[in-house]
Amino acid sequence: MTRTLTVGYQGEPGAYSEEALHAFFPQTEAVAFRTLRHVFHRVADGTVDLALVPVENSQAGSVLETYDLMLEYRVLVVGEVALQVDHCLLGLPDSDRTALRRVLSHPQALAQCEAFVVREGLEPVPVYDTAGAARQVKAEARPDQAAIASRRAADLYGLALIADRIQTIQENVTRFFLISRRGPSRPRPPLVRRRRLGWKTSLVCAVRNEPGALFSLLRCFAEAGVNLSKLESRPRRDPPWEYVFHLDLDGRRSDKPVGASLRAAKTVTTFLQVLGTYPRALPAAVPPPRRRRRAKPS
């Protein structure tokens, strides 16, 4: 009999990470942890087989803690999924919208709904999780506060749906990484059934603190014809005032252009670690068409 894989996520039941997990990996067992550090630690020590962690939102940008923890725990990225996130304003069943003064949610959700929060004249109160905010609103039963969370959270915690799709930009997509511990005994990740959109490779590296060092790194990919779909810099904890760079490349590590670019990059970096190669979750950005040069008059 095949054992059911356990997949960790950050937050309470009803969190968007749990929603993504159920949507893309329905045959797995979801395990909730309070913080992202708990999630990474339990993947590393084998308490759970895998974890689904948010890495980037199309509106609020990168989840920086995820990037820092990926480097600290040296996990392996084995998959990527993308979820359309629709935020809702949730309150007590008998709440009066005009009496609301405070709104609780995760800082990322508050940022994604900033225009709505300002328009409604609400005080944003950051908490550790969207579903946790819904649970807190229900437990405290204050008529002046609401939560920004999912429809599922409203059902789970017995809250009323006051307003839906309140995100500032309606096309609000969050990318998640499916991560695993490294080593030969790591579990085989579940498959995601979706149309093929190509492959991506993620890596983290550092360069010398000298003029032209980053240019030399980027030239490795340009000369190999490899497209960079993401470049993120993060402070390096040791030594201070040094930085690491997270890059997403189009293609698989086994592809000749990607392999050649990585070999070249190793010669101009102080360290380089491939975080993983995985099927792409979102379509690649289409470059703008080149302008045709006008013929010079004879």
Protein backbone atom coordinates (compact mmCIF):
# COMPACT_ATOMS: atom_id res chain seq x y z
CA MET A 1 0.00 0.00 0.00
CA THR A 2 1.37 3.43 -1.01
CA ARG A 3 1.95 5.80 1.88
CA THR A 4 0.21 9.20 1.70
CA LEU A 5 2.72 12.04 1.38
CA THR A 6 2.63 14.74 4.05
CA VAL A 7 2.99 18.34 2.86
CA GLY A 8 3.53 21.21 5.28
CA TYR A 9 2.30 24.77 4.87
CA GLN A 10 2.36 27.98 6.89
CA GLY A 11 -0.85 29.16 8.50
CA GLU A 12 -4.16 27.89 9.81
CA PRO A 13 -6.66 25.74 7.90
CA GLY A 14 -8.24 28.09 5.36
CA ALA A 15 -4.94 29.80 4.48
CA TYR A 16 -4.19 30.34 0.80
CA SER A 17 -1.25 27.95 1.03
CA GLU A 18 -3.65 25.23 2.15
CA GLU A 19 -6.04 26.17 -0.67
CA ALA A 20 -3.23 25.80 -3.22
CA LEU A 21 -2.19 22.52 -1.65
CA HIS A 22 -5.69 21.04 -1.93
CA ALA A 23 -6.11 22.37 -5.47
CA PHE A 24 -2.89 20.92 -6.89
CA PHE A 25 -2.02 18.02 -4.57
CA PRO A 26 -5.38 16.60 -3.40
CA GLN A 27 -3.97 13.14 -2.66
CA THR A 28 -1.56 14.44 0.01
CA GLU A 29 -2.03 15.11 3.73
CA ALA A 30 -1.80 18.81 4.64
CA VAL A 31 0.08 19.68 7.85
CA ALA A 32 -0.20 23.23 9.26
CA PHE A 33 2.67 25.11 10.93
CA ARG A 34 2.55 28.56 12.49
CA THR A 35 5.59 30.13 10.79
CA LEU A 36 7.60 29.64 7.63
CA ARG A 37 10.64 28.75 9.71
CA HIS A 38 8.67 25.91 11.31
CA VAL A 39 7.76 24.69 7.80
CA PHE A 40 11.36 24.68 6.56
CA HIS A 41 12.68 23.10 9.74
CA ARG A 42 10.18 20.23 9.58
CA VAL A 43 11.03 19.54 5.94
CA ALA A 44 14.73 19.49 6.81
CA ASP A 45 14.34 17.11 9.77
CA GLY A 46 11.96 14.79 7.90
CA THR A 47 8.85 15.45 10.01
CA VAL A 48 6.98 16.12 6.74
CA ASP A 49 7.87 14.86 3.29
CA LEU A 50 7.45 18.15 1.42
CA ALA A 51 6.18 21.69 1.91
CA LEU A 52 4.37 24.28 -0.18
CA VAL A 53 5.67 27.81 0.48
CA PRO A 54 4.74 31.16 -1.11
CA VAL A 55 7.58 32.75 -3.04
CA GLU A 56 6.09 35.65 -5.00
CA ASN A 57 2.87 37.59 -5.55
CA SER A 58 2.11 39.34 -8.82
CA GLN A 59 1.06 42.46 -6.91
CA ALA A 60 3.05 42.62 -3.65
CA GLY A 61 6.28 41.08 -4.96
CA SER A 62 8.60 38.49 -3.47
CA VAL A 63 8.11 36.77 -0.13
CA LEU A 64 11.58 37.64 1.14
CA GLU A 65 11.52 35.34 4.17
CA THR A 66 11.05 32.36 1.86
CA TYR A 67 14.14 33.31 -0.13
CA ASP A 68 16.22 33.70 3.03
CA LEU A 69 15.06 30.36 4.45
CA MET A 70 15.72 28.52 1.18
CA LEU A 71 19.37 29.50 1.46
CA GLU A 72 19.61 28.81 5.20
CA TYR A 73 18.06 25.34 5.05
CA ARG A 74 19.42 24.42 1.58
CA VAL A 75 16.21 22.73 0.50
CA LEU A 76 15.48 21.53 -3.03
CA VAL A 77 12.75 23.10 -5.19
CA VAL A 78 10.89 20.22 -6.89
CA GLY A 79 7.76 21.99 -8.16
CA GLU A 80 5.97 25.27 -8.74
CA VAL A 81 2.26 26.13 -8.69
CA ALA A 82 0.35 29.38 -9.13
CA LEU A 83 -2.96 30.28 -7.46
CA GLN A 84 -5.38 33.07 -8.30
CA VAL A 85 -5.92 34.72 -4.90
CA ASP A 86 -9.28 36.42 -4.31
CA HIS A 87 -9.38 38.28 -0.99
CA CYS A 88 -12.61 38.71 0.98
CA LEU A 89 -13.60 40.96 3.86
CA LEU A 90 -14.97 38.73 6.63
CA GLY A 91 -16.82 39.81 9.75
CA LEU A 92 -19.12 38.52 12.47
CA PRO A 93 -22.45 37.19 11.20
CA ASP A 94 -24.33 40.20 12.56
CA SER A 95 -21.64 42.81 11.90
CA ASP A 96 -22.43 46.28 10.58
CA ARG A 97 -20.04 47.33 7.80
CA THR A 98 -20.27 51.00 8.81
CA ALA A 99 -19.09 50.12 12.34
CA LEU A 100 -15.85 48.45 11.20
CA ARG A 101 -12.66 50.22 12.26
CA ARG A 102 -9.91 47.56 12.11
CA VAL A 103 -9.00 44.86 9.62
CA LEU A 104 -6.67 41.97 10.46
CA SER A 105 -4.62 39.95 7.97
CA HIS A 106 -1.19 38.84 6.85
CA PRO A 107 1.01 41.80 5.74
CA GLN A 108 1.05 40.50 2.15
CA ALA A 109 -2.77 40.40 2.02
CA LEU A 110 -3.01 43.88 3.52
CA ALA A 111 -0.61 45.16 0.86
CA GLN A 112 -2.61 43.48 -1.91
CA CYS A 113 -5.84 45.15 -0.64
CA GLU A 114 -4.35 48.52 0.28
CA ALA A 115 -6.71 50.58 -1.92
CA PHE A 116 -9.79 48.93 -0.38
CA VAL A 117 -8.47 49.35 3.17
CA VAL A 118 -7.81 53.06 2.60
CA ARG A 119 -11.15 53.61 0.86
CA GLU A 120 -13.03 51.98 3.73
CA GLY A 121 -11.11 53.98 6.35
CA LEU A 122 -9.89 50.83 8.15
CA GLU A 123 -6.84 50.50 10.37
CA PRO A 124 -4.68 47.63 8.99
CA VAL A 125 -3.52 45.23 11.71
CA PRO A 126 -0.88 42.72 10.57
CA VAL A 127 -1.08 39.18 11.96
CA TYR A 128 0.82 36.02 11.08
CA ASP A 129 -1.76 34.47 8.72
CA THR A 130 -4.95 35.29 6.80
CA ALA A 131 -6.89 32.34 8.19
CA GLY A 132 -5.44 33.08 11.62
CA ALA A 133 -6.90 36.56 11.30
CA ALA A 134 -10.31 35.05 10.59
CA ARG A 135 -10.00 32.79 13.62
CA GLN A 136 -9.02 35.78 15.81
CA VAL A 137 -11.95 37.91 14.60
CA LYS A 138 -14.33 35.07 15.47
CA ALA A 139 -12.73 34.43 18.87
CA GLU A 140 -12.59 38.07 19.98
CA ALA A 141 -16.11 38.86 18.65
CA ARG A 142 -15.41 42.59 18.39
CA PRO A 143 -18.03 44.33 16.23
CA ASP A 144 -15.47 46.89 15.03
CA GLN A 145 -13.01 44.48 13.42
CA ALA A 146 -12.93 42.22 10.36
CA ALA A 147 -10.43 40.00 8.58
CA ILE A 148 -9.09 39.75 5.04
CA ALA A 149 -9.02 36.07 4.16
CA SER A 150 -10.49 33.46 1.82
CA ARG A 151 -14.05 32.25 1.30
CA ARG A 152 -12.97 28.92 2.76
CA ALA A 153 -11.86 30.70 5.94
CA ALA A 154 -15.33 32.27 6.23
CA ASP A 155 -16.91 28.80 6.05
CA LEU A 156 -14.43 27.24 8.48
CA TYR A 157 -14.72 29.92 11.17
CA GLY A 158 -18.38 30.87 10.81
CA LEU A 159 -17.86 34.41 9.53
CA ALA A 160 -19.99 36.48 7.16
CA LEU A 161 -18.77 37.48 3.71
CA ILE A 162 -19.01 41.28 3.72
CA ALA A 163 -17.19 41.96 0.43
CA ASP A 164 -15.33 39.80 -2.07
CA ARG A 165 -12.54 40.31 -4.64
CA ILE A 166 -11.26 43.30 -2.72
CA GLN A 167 -7.66 43.08 -3.98
CA THR A 168 -6.40 46.26 -5.64
CA ILE A 169 -5.55 44.46 -8.89
CA GLN A 170 -8.02 41.73 -9.80
CA GLU A 171 -5.42 39.53 -11.52
CA ASN A 172 -3.74 38.62 -8.24
CA VAL A 173 -1.60 35.49 -8.54
CA THR A 174 0.71 33.93 -5.96
CA ARG A 175 3.51 31.55 -6.92
CA PHE A 176 4.38 28.71 -4.57
CA PHE A 177 7.44 26.44 -4.47
CA LEU A 178 7.08 22.78 -3.54
CA ILE A 179 10.24 22.06 -1.55
CA SER A 180 11.95 18.90 -0.37
CA ARG A 181 14.99 18.01 1.66
CA ARG A 182 18.07 17.01 -0.32
CA GLY A 183 19.68 13.58 -0.46
CA PRO A 184 19.01 10.20 -2.09
CA SER A 185 16.21 9.32 0.37
CA ARG A 186 14.07 12.36 -0.44
CA PRO A 187 10.45 11.54 -1.38
CA ARG A 188 9.26 11.57 -4.97
CA PRO A 189 7.06 14.67 -5.49
CA PRO A 190 3.47 14.24 -6.67
CA LEU A 191 2.68 15.16 -10.26
CA VAL A 192 0.67 18.25 -11.17
CA ARG A 193 -1.77 17.67 -14.02
CA ARG A 194 -1.72 20.76 -16.24
CA ARG A 195 -0.69 21.82 -19.72
CA ARG A 196 3.03 21.95 -20.32
CA LEU A 197 4.54 25.42 -20.14
CA GLY A 198 8.22 24.53 -20.21
CA TRP A 199 10.79 24.32 -17.43
CA LYS A 200 12.58 26.64 -15.04
CA THR A 201 15.78 26.40 -13.02
CA SER A 202 16.32 28.41 -9.82
CA LEU A 203 19.69 29.17 -8.26
CA VAL A 204 21.36 31.36 -5.64
CA CYS A 205 24.86 32.75 -5.90
CA ALA A 206 27.22 35.51 -4.78
CA VAL A 207 29.82 37.53 -6.65
CA ARG A 208 32.89 39.47 -5.60
CA ASN A 209 32.33 43.00 -4.36
CA GLU A 210 34.11 44.70 -7.23
CA PRO A 211 33.20 46.70 -10.36
CA GLY A 212 31.66 44.63 -13.14
CA ALA A 213 31.15 41.48 -11.05
CA LEU A 214 27.37 41.33 -11.57
CA PHE A 215 27.80 42.18 -15.26
CA SER A 216 30.19 39.24 -15.65
CA LEU A 217 27.60 36.94 -14.06
CA LEU A 218 24.74 38.11 -16.28
CA ARG A 219 26.91 37.85 -19.38
CA CYS A 220 27.25 34.10 -18.76
CA PHE A 221 23.54 33.66 -19.40
CA ALA A 222 23.30 36.19 -22.22
CA GLU A 223 26.12 34.58 -24.20
CA ALA A 224 24.51 31.13 -23.78
CA GLY A 225 21.13 32.46 -24.95
CA VAL A 226 19.43 31.70 -21.61
CA ASN A 227 16.61 34.00 -20.51
CA LEU A 228 16.41 35.22 -16.90
CA SER A 229 12.80 35.46 -15.75
CA LYS A 230 13.71 36.75 -12.27
CA LEU A 231 16.64 38.37 -10.46
CA GLU A 232 16.40 39.14 -6.73
CA SER A 233 19.12 40.41 -4.39
CA ARG A 234 19.11 39.67 -0.66
CA PRO A 235 21.49 40.68 2.16
CA ARG A 236 23.99 38.01 3.13
CA ARG A 237 23.92 37.41 6.86
CA ASP A 238 27.61 36.59 7.11
CA PRO A 239 29.59 38.68 6.32
CA PRO A 240 27.41 41.81 6.68
CA TRP A 241 26.95 44.20 3.77
CA GLU A 242 27.45 41.45 1.24
CA TYR A 243 24.62 40.23 -1.01
CA VAL A 244 23.39 37.06 -2.68
CA PHE A 245 21.40 36.86 -5.88
CA HIS A 246 18.44 34.57 -6.58
CA LEU A 247 17.86 33.86 -10.26
CA ASP A 248 15.19 32.00 -12.22
CA LEU A 249 16.29 30.74 -15.64
CA ASP A 250 14.13 29.49 -18.49
CA GLY A 251 14.98 25.84 -19.19
CA ARG A 252 16.19 22.70 -17.47
CA ARG A 253 19.58 22.22 -15.89
CA SER A 254 20.16 19.34 -18.31
CA ASP A 255 19.59 21.59 -21.35
CA LYS A 256 22.88 22.37 -23.08
CA PRO A 257 22.51 26.20 -22.99
CA VAL A 258 21.52 26.18 -19.30
CA GLY A 259 24.30 23.76 -18.40
CA ALA A 260 26.87 25.85 -20.28
CA SER A 261 25.69 29.06 -18.60
CA LEU A 262 25.93 27.47 -15.13
CA ARG A 263 29.46 26.22 -15.78
CA ALA A 264 30.47 29.68 -16.90
CA ALA A 265 28.73 31.29 -13.91
CA LYS A 266 30.72 29.14 -11.48
CA THR A 267 33.93 30.76 -12.71
CA VAL A 268 32.76 34.29 -11.82
CA THR A 269 30.94 33.62 -8.51
CA THR A 270 32.19 33.05 -4.98
CA PHE A 271 29.53 30.38 -4.52
CA LEU A 272 26.65 29.02 -6.61
CA GLN A 273 23.92 26.58 -5.63
CA VAL A 274 21.17 25.28 -7.90
CA LEU A 275 17.93 25.27 -5.90
CA GLY A 276 16.06 23.07 -8.36
CA THR A 277 14.68 22.40 -11.84
CA TYR A 278 10.91 22.10 -12.16
CA PRO A 279 7.98 22.49 -14.58
CA ARG A 280 6.89 26.10 -15.10
CA ALA A 281 3.55 27.10 -13.53
CA LEU A 282 2.91 30.32 -15.47
CA PRO A 283 3.36 31.16 -19.15
CA ALA A 284 6.61 32.84 -20.01
CA ALA A 285 6.48 36.57 -20.64
CA VAL A 286 6.32 37.36 -24.33
CA PRO A 287 9.02 39.87 -25.33
CA PRO A 288 7.82 42.94 -27.24
CA PRO A 289 8.21 42.75 -31.01
CA ARG A 290 11.34 44.30 -32.43
CA ARG A 291 10.87 47.53 -34.27
CA ARG A 292 11.80 47.37 -37.89
CA ARG A 293 14.43 49.82 -38.92
CA ARG A 294 13.30 52.26 -41.53
CA ALA A 295 15.26 52.10 -44.74
CA LYS A 296 17.44 55.12 -45.27
CA PRO A 297 16.40 57.21 -48.29
CA SER A 298 18.72 56.71 -51.23
